[in-house]
PDB file of N, CA and C in Angstrom:
ATOM      1  N   MET A   1      11.909  -0.334  -0.042  1.00  0.00           N
ATOM      2  CA  MET A   1      11.522  -1.088  -1.029  1.00  0.00           C
ATOM      3  C   MET A   1      12.290  -1.003  -2.407  1.00  0.00           C
ATOM      4  N   GLU A   2      12.738  -1.981  -2.921  1.00  0.00           N
ATOM      5  CA  GLU A   2      13.746  -1.935  -4.224  1.00  0.00           C
ATOM      6  C   GLU A   2      12.618  -1.835  -5.304  1.00  0.00           C
ATOM      7  N   ILE A   3      13.209  -1.232  -6.369  1.00  0.00           N
ATOM      8  CA  ILE A   3      12.535  -1.111  -7.554  1.00  0.00           C
ATOM      9  C   ILE A   3      12.468  -2.577  -8.195  1.00  0.00           C
ATOM     10  N   GLY A   4      11.403  -2.860  -8.762  1.00  0.00           N
ATOM     11  CA  GLY A   4      11.146  -4.235  -9.323  1.00  0.00           C
ATOM     12  C   GLY A   4      10.391  -5.259  -8.326  1.00  0.00           C
ATOM     13  N   THR A   5      10.122  -4.578  -7.172  1.00  0.00           N
ATOM     14  CA  THR A   5       9.558  -5.506  -6.047  1.00  0.00           C
ATOM     15  C   THR A   5       7.859  -5.357  -6.267  1.00  0.00           C
ATOM     16  N   THR A   6       7.249  -6.404  -5.904  1.00  0.00           N
ATOM     17  CA  THR A   6       5.912  -6.553  -5.877  1.00  0.00           C
ATOM     18  C   THR A   6       5.357  -6.028  -4.632  1.00  0.00           C
ATOM     19  N   ALA A   7       4.382  -5.276  -4.593  1.00  0.00           N
ATOM     20  CA  ALA A   7       3.742  -4.598  -3.391  1.00  0.00           C
ATOM     21  C   ALA A   7       2.273  -4.565  -3.428  1.00  0.00           C
ATOM     22  N   LYS A   8       1.416  -4.933  -2.282  1.00  0.00           N
ATOM     23  CA  LYS A   8       0.145  -4.649  -2.325  1.00  0.00           C
ATOM     24  C   LYS A   8      -0.208  -3.310  -2.125  1.00  0.00           C
ATOM     25  N   VAL A   9      -1.274  -2.857  -2.878  1.00  0.00           N
ATOM     26  CA  VAL A   9      -1.517  -1.312  -2.781  1.00  0.00           C
ATOM     27  C   VAL A   9      -2.933  -1.247  -2.192  1.00  0.00           C
ATOM     28  N   GLN A  10      -3.008  -0.472  -1.044  1.00  0.00           N
ATOM     29  CA  GLN A  10      -4.343  -0.236  -0.354  1.00  0.00           C
ATOM     30  C   GLN A  10      -4.982   0.954  -0.861  1.00  0.00           C
ATOM     31  N   ARG A  11      -4.096   1.894  -1.139  1.00  0.00           N
ATOM     32  CA  ARG A  11      -4.845   3.208  -1.643  1.00  0.00           C
ATOM     33  C   ARG A  11      -3.973   3.809  -2.676  1.00  0.00           C
ATOM     34  N   VAL A  12      -4.559   4.058  -3.755  1.00  0.00           N
ATOM     35  CA  VAL A  12      -3.872   4.736  -4.880  1.00  0.00           C
ATOM     36  C   VAL A  12      -4.832   5.832  -5.342  1.00  0.00           C
ATOM     37  N   GLN A  13      -4.299   6.974  -5.574  1.00  0.00           N
ATOM     38  CA  GLN A  13      -5.039   8.223  -5.948  1.00  0.00           C
ATOM     39  C   GLN A  13      -5.171   8.208  -7.410  1.00  0.00           C
ATOM     40  N   ALA A  14      -6.059   7.392  -7.955  1.00  0.00           N
ATOM     41  CA  ALA A  14      -6.336   7.225  -9.328  1.00  0.00           C
ATOM     42  C   ALA A  14      -7.674   6.839  -9.502  1.00  0.00           C
ATOM     43  N   THR A  15      -8.240   6.859 -10.737  1.00  0.00           N
ATOM     44  CA  THR A  15      -9.543   6.235 -11.029  1.00  0.00           C
ATOM     45  C   THR A  15      -9.360   5.050 -11.816  1.00  0.00           C
ATOM     46  N   ILE A  16      -9.195   3.976 -10.979  1.00  0.00           N
ATOM     47  CA  ILE A  16      -9.111   2.678 -11.658  1.00  0.00           C
ATOM     48  C   ILE A  16     -10.121   1.796 -10.935  1.00  0.00           C
ATOM     49  N   GLN A  17     -11.054   1.240 -11.882  1.00  0.00           N
ATOM     50  CA  GLN A  17     -11.968   0.307 -11.400  1.00  0.00           C
ATOM     51  C   GLN A  17     -11.856  -1.023 -12.108  1.00  0.00           C
ATOM     52  N   PRO A  18     -12.146  -2.138 -11.441  1.00  0.00           N
ATOM     53  CA  PRO A  18     -12.567  -2.243 -10.069  1.00  0.00           C
ATOM     54  C   PRO A  18     -11.339  -2.253  -9.267  1.00  0.00           C
ATOM     55  N   LEU A  19     -11.495  -2.707  -7.995  1.00  0.00           N
ATOM     56  CA  LEU A  19     -10.343  -2.563  -7.004  1.00  0.00           C
ATOM     57  C   LEU A  19      -9.008  -3.177  -7.462  1.00  0.00           C
ATOM     58  N   ILE A  20      -7.990  -2.482  -7.142  1.00  0.00           N
ATOM     59  CA  ILE A  20      -6.661  -2.978  -7.575  1.00  0.00           C
ATOM     60  C   ILE A  20      -6.343  -4.258  -6.622  1.00  0.00           C
ATOM     61  N   GLN A  21      -5.866  -5.311  -7.102  1.00  0.00           N
ATOM     62  CA  GLN A  21      -5.559  -6.402  -6.251  1.00  0.00           C
ATOM     63  C   GLN A  21      -4.022  -6.607  -6.134  1.00  0.00           C
ATOM     64  N   GLN A  22      -3.252  -6.183  -7.103  1.00  0.00           N
ATOM     65  CA  GLN A  22      -1.829  -6.274  -7.049  1.00  0.00           C
ATOM     66  C   GLN A  22      -1.150  -5.156  -7.742  1.00  0.00           C
ATOM     67  N   ALA A  23      -0.009  -4.650  -7.436  1.00  0.00           N
ATOM     68  CA  ALA A  23       0.671  -3.752  -8.060  1.00  0.00           C
ATOM     69  C   ALA A  23       2.151  -4.127  -8.216  1.00  0.00           C
ATOM     70  N   VAL A  24       2.818  -3.812  -9.401  1.00  0.00           N
ATOM     71  CA  VAL A  24       4.113  -4.124  -9.535  1.00  0.00           C
ATOM     72  C   VAL A  24       4.904  -2.921  -9.936  1.00  0.00           C
ATOM     73  N   ILE A  25       5.954  -2.646  -9.295  1.00  0.00           N
ATOM     74  CA  ILE A  25       6.647  -1.474  -9.570  1.00  0.00           C
ATOM     75  C   ILE A  25       7.763  -1.711 -10.760  1.00  0.00           C
ATOM     76  N   THR A  26       7.796  -1.051 -11.751  1.00  0.00           N
ATOM     77  CA  THR A  26       8.630  -1.388 -12.919  1.00  0.00           C
ATOM     78  C   THR A  26       9.623  -0.332 -13.017  1.00  0.00           C
ATOM     79  N   THR A  27      10.846  -0.772 -13.591  1.00  0.00           N
ATOM     80  CA  THR A  27      11.890   0.379 -13.959  1.00  0.00           C
ATOM     81  C   THR A  27      11.880   0.541 -15.378  1.00  0.00           C
ATOM     82  N   PRO A  28      12.263   2.063 -15.728  1.00  0.00           N
ATOM     83  CA  PRO A  28      12.163   2.269 -17.083  1.00  0.00           C
ATOM     84  C   PRO A  28      13.389   1.623 -17.844  1.00  0.00           C
ATOM     85  N   THR A  29      13.083   1.273 -19.104  1.00  0.00           N
ATOM     86  CA  THR A  29      14.121   0.746 -19.959  1.00  0.00           C
ATOM     87  C   THR A  29      14.350   1.559 -21.244  1.00  0.00           C
ATOM     88  N   PRO A  30      15.513   2.230 -21.350  1.00  0.00           N
ATOM     89  CA  PRO A  30      15.561   3.147 -22.487  1.00  0.00           C
ATOM     90  C   PRO A  30      15.519   2.350 -23.794  1.00  0.00           C
ATOM     91  N   PRO A  31      14.836   2.951 -24.797  1.00  0.00           N
ATOM     92  CA  PRO A  31      14.325   4.235 -24.997  1.00  0.00           C
ATOM     93  C   PRO A  31      12.821   4.310 -24.742  1.00  0.00           C
ATOM     94  N   GLN A  32      12.337   3.415 -23.934  1.00  0.00           N
ATOM     95  CA  GLN A  32      10.798   3.416 -23.706  1.00  0.00           C
ATOM     96  C   GLN A  32      10.542   4.598 -22.510  1.00  0.00           C
ATOM     97  N   ASN A  33       9.508   4.257 -21.761  1.00  0.00           N
ATOM     98  CA  ASN A  33       9.168   5.299 -20.749  1.00  0.00           C
ATOM     99  C   ASN A  33      10.547   5.703 -19.878  1.00  0.00           C
ATOM    100  N   THR A  34      10.395   7.092 -19.547  1.00  0.00           N
ATOM    101  CA  THR A  34      11.572   7.522 -18.618  1.00  0.00           C
ATOM    102  C   THR A  34      10.966   7.663 -17.157  1.00  0.00           C
ATOM    103  N   GLU A  35       9.856   7.360 -16.947  1.00  0.00           N
ATOM    104  CA  GLU A  35       9.088   7.531 -15.628  1.00  0.00           C
ATOM    105  C   GLU A  35       8.962   6.087 -14.943  1.00  0.00           C
ATOM    106  N   PRO A  36       9.135   5.897 -13.785  1.00  0.00           N
ATOM    107  CA  PRO A  36       8.777   4.687 -13.088  1.00  0.00           C
ATOM    108  C   PRO A  36       7.145   4.670 -12.954  1.00  0.00           C
ATOM    109  N   SER A  37       6.603   3.447 -13.040  1.00  0.00           N
ATOM    110  CA  SER A  37       5.198   3.306 -13.174  1.00  0.00           C
ATOM    111  C   SER A  37       4.795   2.224 -12.366  1.00  0.00           C
ATOM    112  N   ILE A  38       3.460   2.073 -12.030  1.00  0.00           N
ATOM    113  CA  ILE A  38       2.935   1.012 -11.341  1.00  0.00           C
ATOM    114  C   ILE A  38       1.909   0.270 -12.321  1.00  0.00           C
ATOM    115  N   ILE A  39       1.954  -1.065 -12.419  1.00  0.00           N
ATOM    116  CA  ILE A  39       1.146  -1.798 -13.325  1.00  0.00           C
ATOM    117  C   ILE A  39       0.053  -2.354 -12.381  1.00  0.00           C
ATOM    118  N   CYS A  40      -1.161  -1.862 -12.549  1.00  0.00           N
ATOM    119  CA  CYS A  40      -2.279  -2.231 -11.701  1.00  0.00           C
ATOM    120  C   CYS A  40      -3.157  -3.485 -12.396  1.00  0.00           C
ATOM    121  N   VAL A  41      -3.228  -4.525 -11.605  1.00  0.00           N
ATOM    122  CA  VAL A  41      -3.898  -5.715 -12.195  1.00  0.00           C
ATOM    123  C   VAL A  41      -5.341  -5.705 -11.390  1.00  0.00           C
ATOM    124  N   ASP A  42      -6.455  -5.622 -12.080  1.00  0.00           N
ATOM    125  CA  ASP A  42      -7.681  -5.680 -11.519  1.00  0.00           C
ATOM    126  C   ASP A  42      -8.157  -7.183 -11.339  1.00  0.00           C
ATOM    127  N   GLN A  43      -9.558  -7.361 -10.984  1.00  0.00           N
ATOM    128  CA  GLN A  43     -10.120  -8.665 -10.715  1.00  0.00           C
ATOM    129  C   GLN A  43     -10.152  -9.582 -11.962  1.00  0.00           C
ATOM    130  N   ASN A  44     -10.191  -8.843 -13.051  1.00  0.00           N
ATOM    131  CA  ASN A  44     -10.535  -9.492 -14.399  1.00  0.00           C
ATOM    132  C   ASN A  44      -9.049  -9.746 -15.061  1.00  0.00           C
ATOM    133  N   GLN A  45      -8.054  -9.593 -14.409  1.00  0.00           N
ATOM    134  CA  GLN A  45      -6.615  -9.706 -14.878  1.00  0.00           C
ATOM    135  C   GLN A  45      -6.420  -8.597 -15.905  1.00  0.00           C
ATOM    136  N   LYS A  46      -7.150  -7.523 -15.953  1.00  0.00           N
ATOM    137  CA  LYS A  46      -6.814  -6.354 -16.904  1.00  0.00           C
ATOM    138  C   LYS A  46      -5.826  -5.461 -16.152  1.00  0.00           C
ATOM    139  N   THR A  47      -4.835  -5.084 -16.948  1.00  0.00           N
ATOM    140  CA  THR A  47      -3.793  -4.299 -16.428  1.00  0.00           C
ATOM    141  C   THR A  47      -3.779  -2.881 -16.987  1.00  0.00           C
ATOM    142  N   THR A  48      -3.359  -2.025 -16.036  1.00  0.00           N
ATOM    143  CA  THR A  48      -3.263  -0.505 -16.340  1.00  0.00           C
ATOM    144  C   THR A  48      -2.123  -0.003 -15.758  1.00  0.00           C
ATOM    145  N   THR A  49      -1.394   0.760 -16.577  1.00  0.00           N
ATOM    146  CA  THR A  49      -0.082   1.225 -16.184  1.00  0.00           C
ATOM    147  C   THR A  49      -0.403   2.727 -15.811  1.00  0.00           C
ATOM    148  N   VAL A  50       0.048   3.056 -14.551  1.00  0.00           N
ATOM    149  CA  VAL A  50       0.042   4.355 -13.977  1.00  0.00           C
ATOM    150  C   VAL A  50       1.324   4.907 -13.742  1.00  0.00           C
ATOM    151  N   PRO A  51       1.738   5.952 -14.218  1.00  0.00           N
ATOM    152  CA  PRO A  51       2.940   6.744 -13.953  1.00  0.00           C
ATOM    153  C   PRO A  51       3.013   7.017 -12.373  1.00  0.00           C
ATOM    154  N   ILE A  52       4.113   6.836 -11.824  1.00  0.00           N
ATOM    155  CA  ILE A  52       4.119   7.400 -10.322  1.00  0.00           C
ATOM    156  C   ILE A  52       5.381   8.073  -9.994  1.00  0.00           C
ATOM    157  N   ASN A  53       5.302   9.008  -8.994  1.00  0.00           N
ATOM    158  CA  ASN A  53       6.561   9.692  -8.646  1.00  0.00           C
ATOM    159  C   ASN A  53       6.906   8.774  -7.382  1.00  0.00           C
ATOM    160  N   LEU A  54       8.196   8.550  -7.394  1.00  0.00           N
ATOM    161  CA  LEU A  54       8.712   7.558  -6.259  1.00  0.00           C
ATOM    162  C   LEU A  54       8.597   8.307  -4.994  1.00  0.00           C
ATOM    163  N   ASN A  55       8.717   9.589  -4.842  1.00  0.00           N
ATOM    164  CA  ASN A  55       8.505  10.269  -3.662  1.00  0.00           C
ATOM    165  C   ASN A  55       7.048  10.178  -3.063  1.00  0.00           C
ATOM    166  N   ASP A  56       6.211  10.160  -3.988  1.00  0.00           N
ATOM    167  CA  ASP A  56       4.752   9.954  -3.646  1.00  0.00           C
ATOM    168  C   ASP A  56       4.490   8.456  -3.121  1.00  0.00           C
ATOM    169  N   LEU A  57       5.170   7.581  -3.797  1.00  0.00           N
ATOM    170  CA  LEU A  57       5.090   6.092  -3.375  1.00  0.00           C
ATOM    171  C   LEU A  57       5.618   5.945  -2.032  1.00  0.00           C
ATOM    172  N   ILE A  58       6.832   6.535  -1.694  1.00  0.00           N
ATOM    173  CA  ILE A  58       7.450   6.444  -0.439  1.00  0.00           C
ATOM    174  C   ILE A  58       6.549   6.992   0.621  1.00  0.00           C
ATOM    175  N   SER A  59       5.923   8.346   0.406  1.00  0.00           N
ATOM    176  CA  SER A  59       5.066   8.886   1.280  1.00  0.00           C
ATOM    177  C   SER A  59       3.803   8.001   1.582  1.00  0.00           C
ATOM    178  N   ILE A  60       3.306   7.335   0.584  1.00  0.00           N
ATOM    179  CA  ILE A  60       2.107   6.458   0.837  1.00  0.00           C
ATOM    180  C   ILE A  60       2.635   5.292   1.663  1.00  0.00           C
ATOM    181  N   ILE A  61       3.702   4.681   1.467  1.00  0.00           N
ATOM    182  CA  ILE A  61       4.238   3.514   2.313  1.00  0.00           C
ATOM    183  C   ILE A  61       4.434   3.960   3.702  1.00  0.00           C
ATOM    184  N   ARG A  62       5.020   5.138   3.888  1.00  0.00           N
ATOM    185  CA  ARG A  62       5.314   5.579   5.232  1.00  0.00           C
ATOM    186  C   ARG A  62       3.999   5.912   5.922  1.00  0.00           C
ATOM    187  N   GLU A  63       3.023   6.465   5.249  1.00  0.00           N
ATOM    188  CA  GLU A  63       1.594   6.680   6.049  1.00  0.00           C
ATOM    189  C   GLU A  63       1.044   5.332   6.328  1.00  0.00           C
ATOM    190  N   GLN A  64       1.144   4.303   5.358  1.00  0.00           N
ATOM    191  CA  GLN A  64       0.615   3.105   5.796  1.00  0.00           C
ATOM    192  C   GLN A  64       1.295   2.458   6.898  1.00  0.00           C
ATOM    193  N   GLN A  65       2.675   2.509   7.049  1.00  0.00           N
ATOM    194  CA  GLN A  65       3.425   2.152   8.230  1.00  0.00           C
ATOM    195  C   GLN A  65       2.956   2.726   9.490  1.00  0.00           C
ATOM    196  N   GLN A  66       2.659   4.063   9.503  1.00  0.00           N
ATOM    197  CA  GLN A  66       2.135   4.822  10.643  1.00  0.00           C
ATOM    198  C   GLN A  66       0.833   4.268  10.969  1.00  0.00           C
ATOM    199  N   GLN A  67       0.063   4.073  10.060  1.00  0.00           N
ATOM    200  CA  GLN A  67      -1.293   3.533  10.337  1.00  0.00           C
ATOM    201  C   GLN A  67      -1.356   2.282  11.060  1.00  0.00           C
ATOM    202  N   LYS A  68      -0.431   1.317  10.435  1.00  0.00           N
ATOM    203  CA  LYS A  68      -0.322   0.044  11.144  1.00  0.00           C
ATOM    204  C   LYS A  68       0.130   0.107  12.423  1.00  0.00           C
ATOM    205  N   GLN A  69       1.203   1.025  12.769  1.00  0.00           N
ATOM    206  CA  GLN A  69       1.759   1.085  14.182  1.00  0.00           C
ATOM    207  C   GLN A  69       0.677   1.711  15.037  1.00  0.00           C
ATOM    208  N   GLN A  70      -0.153   2.606  14.601  1.00  0.00           N
ATOM    209  CA  GLN A  70      -1.088   3.169  15.473  1.00  0.00           C
ATOM    210  C   GLN A  70      -2.295   2.289  15.735  1.00  0.00           C
ATOM    211  N   LEU A  71      -2.639   1.362  14.741  1.00  0.00           N
ATOM    212  CA  LEU A  71      -3.609   0.295  14.925  1.00  0.00           C
ATOM    213  C   LEU A  71      -3.062  -0.777  15.931  1.00  0.00           C
ATOM    214  N   PHE A  72      -1.844  -1.111  15.976  1.00  0.00           N
ATOM    215  CA  PHE A  72      -1.058  -2.002  16.827  1.00  0.00           C
ATOM    216  C   PHE A  72      -1.265  -1.479  18.182  1.00  0.00           C
ATOM    217  N   ILE A  73      -0.958  -0.277  18.391  1.00  0.00           N
ATOM    218  CA  ILE A  73      -0.936   0.302  19.754  1.00  0.00           C
ATOM    219  C   ILE A  73      -2.399   0.277  20.266  1.00  0.00           C
ATOM    220  N   GLN A  74      -3.404   0.704  19.553  1.00  0.00           N
ATOM    221  CA  GLN A  74      -4.802   0.653  19.897  1.00  0.00           C
ATOM    222  C   GLN A  74      -5.215  -0.687  20.218  1.00  0.00           C
ATOM    223  N   GLN A  75      -4.740  -1.734  19.503  1.00  0.00           N
ATOM    224  CA  GLN A  75      -5.200  -3.118  19.912  1.00  0.00           C
ATOM    225  C   GLN A  75      -4.496  -3.555  21.167  1.00  0.00           C
ATOM    226  N   LYS A  76      -3.399  -3.080  21.552  1.00  0.00           N
ATOM    227  CA  LYS A  76      -2.724  -3.451  22.771  1.00  0.00           C
ATOM    228  C   LYS A  76      -3.341  -2.773  23.907  1.00  0.00           C
ATOM    229  N   VAL A  77      -3.792  -1.454  23.678  1.00  0.00           N
ATOM    230  CA  VAL A  77      -4.471  -0.779  24.738  1.00  0.00           C
ATOM    231  C   VAL A  77      -5.844  -1.333  25.084  1.00  0.00           C
ATOM    232  N   GLN A  78      -6.500  -1.802  24.006  1.00  0.00           N
ATOM    233  CA  GLN A  78      -7.924  -2.507  24.159  1.00  0.00           C
ATOM    234  C   GLN A  78      -7.655  -3.795  24.998  1.00  0.00           C
ATOM    235  N   GLU A  79      -6.628  -4.518  24.504  1.00  0.00           N
ATOM    236  CA  GLU A  79      -6.532  -5.709  25.325  1.00  0.00           C
ATOM    237  C   GLU A  79      -6.138  -5.571  26.681  1.00  0.00           C
ATOM    238  N   ALA A  80      -5.302  -4.541  27.022  1.00  0.00           N
ATOM    239  CA  ALA A  80      -4.939  -4.181  28.401  1.00  0.00           C
ATOM    240  C   ALA A  80      -6.192  -3.761  29.194  1.00  0.00           C
ATOM    241  N   LEU A  81      -7.078  -2.860  28.408  1.00  0.00           N
ATOM    242  CA  LEU A  81      -8.393  -2.565  29.252  1.00  0.00           C
ATOM    243  C   LEU A  81      -9.277  -3.763  29.417  1.00  0.00           C
ATOM    244  N   ILE A  82      -9.388  -4.622  28.484  1.00  0.00           N
ATOM    245  CA  ILE A  82     -10.223  -5.785  28.669  1.00  0.00           C
ATOM    246  C   ILE A  82      -9.638  -6.626  29.893  1.00  0.00           C
ATOM    247  N   GLN A  83      -8.374  -6.874  29.808  1.00  0.00           N
ATOM    248  CA  GLN A  83      -7.956  -7.706  30.946  1.00  0.00           C
ATOM    249  C   GLN A  83      -8.144  -6.881  32.372  1.00  0.00           C
ATOM    250  N   GLN A  84      -7.979  -5.597  32.423  1.00  0.00           N
ATOM    251  CA  GLN A  84      -8.214  -4.855  33.581  1.00  0.00           C
ATOM    252  C   GLN A  84      -9.702  -4.933  34.009  1.00  0.00           C
ATOM    253  N   ILE A  85     -10.564  -4.856  33.155  1.00  0.00           N
ATOM    254  CA  ILE A  85     -12.046  -4.906  33.380  1.00  0.00           C
ATOM    255  C   ILE A  85     -12.315  -6.396  33.931  1.00  0.00           C
ATOM    256  N   GLN A  86     -11.802  -7.451  33.298  1.00  0.00           N
ATOM    257  CA  GLN A  86     -12.100  -8.775  33.559  1.00  0.00           C
ATOM    258  C   GLN A  86     -11.532  -9.054  35.002  1.00  0.00           C
ATOM    259  N   SER A  87     -10.298  -8.559  35.336  1.00  0.00           N
ATOM    260  CA  SER A  87      -9.808  -8.774  36.680  1.00  0.00           C
ATOM    261  C   SER A  87     -10.521  -8.010  37.869  1.00  0.00           C
ATOM    262  N   ASN A  88     -11.133  -6.929  37.466  1.00  0.00           N
ATOM    263  CA  ASN A  88     -12.053  -6.156  38.407  1.00  0.00           C
ATOM    264  C   ASN A  88     -13.342  -6.745  38.571  1.00  0.00           C
ATOM    265  N   ALA A  89     -13.861  -7.546  37.629  1.00  0.00           N
ATOM    266  CA  ALA A  89     -15.226  -8.036  37.781  1.00  0.00           C
ATOM    267  C   ALA A  89     -15.234  -9.203  38.746  1.00  0.00           C
TER     268      ALA A  89
END
């Protein structure tokens, strides 16, 4: 994921209420912040800027990809089991 890309965030370790609907990764522009941050937009269009470590963000994205892959495999196994049960009935 490139810096400056928009990404949906499903899990953020922060106390931001209500639920985050959109997150935008920003790049620092000197002499402002020197840390990358995520701008969180809630349901009321209120924005909150949260500093983030890029390694943490990469870890979260990798974890989500693993979860998606596991879910995909589970769905395929369930479909195969259903087909097997239906063909044996």
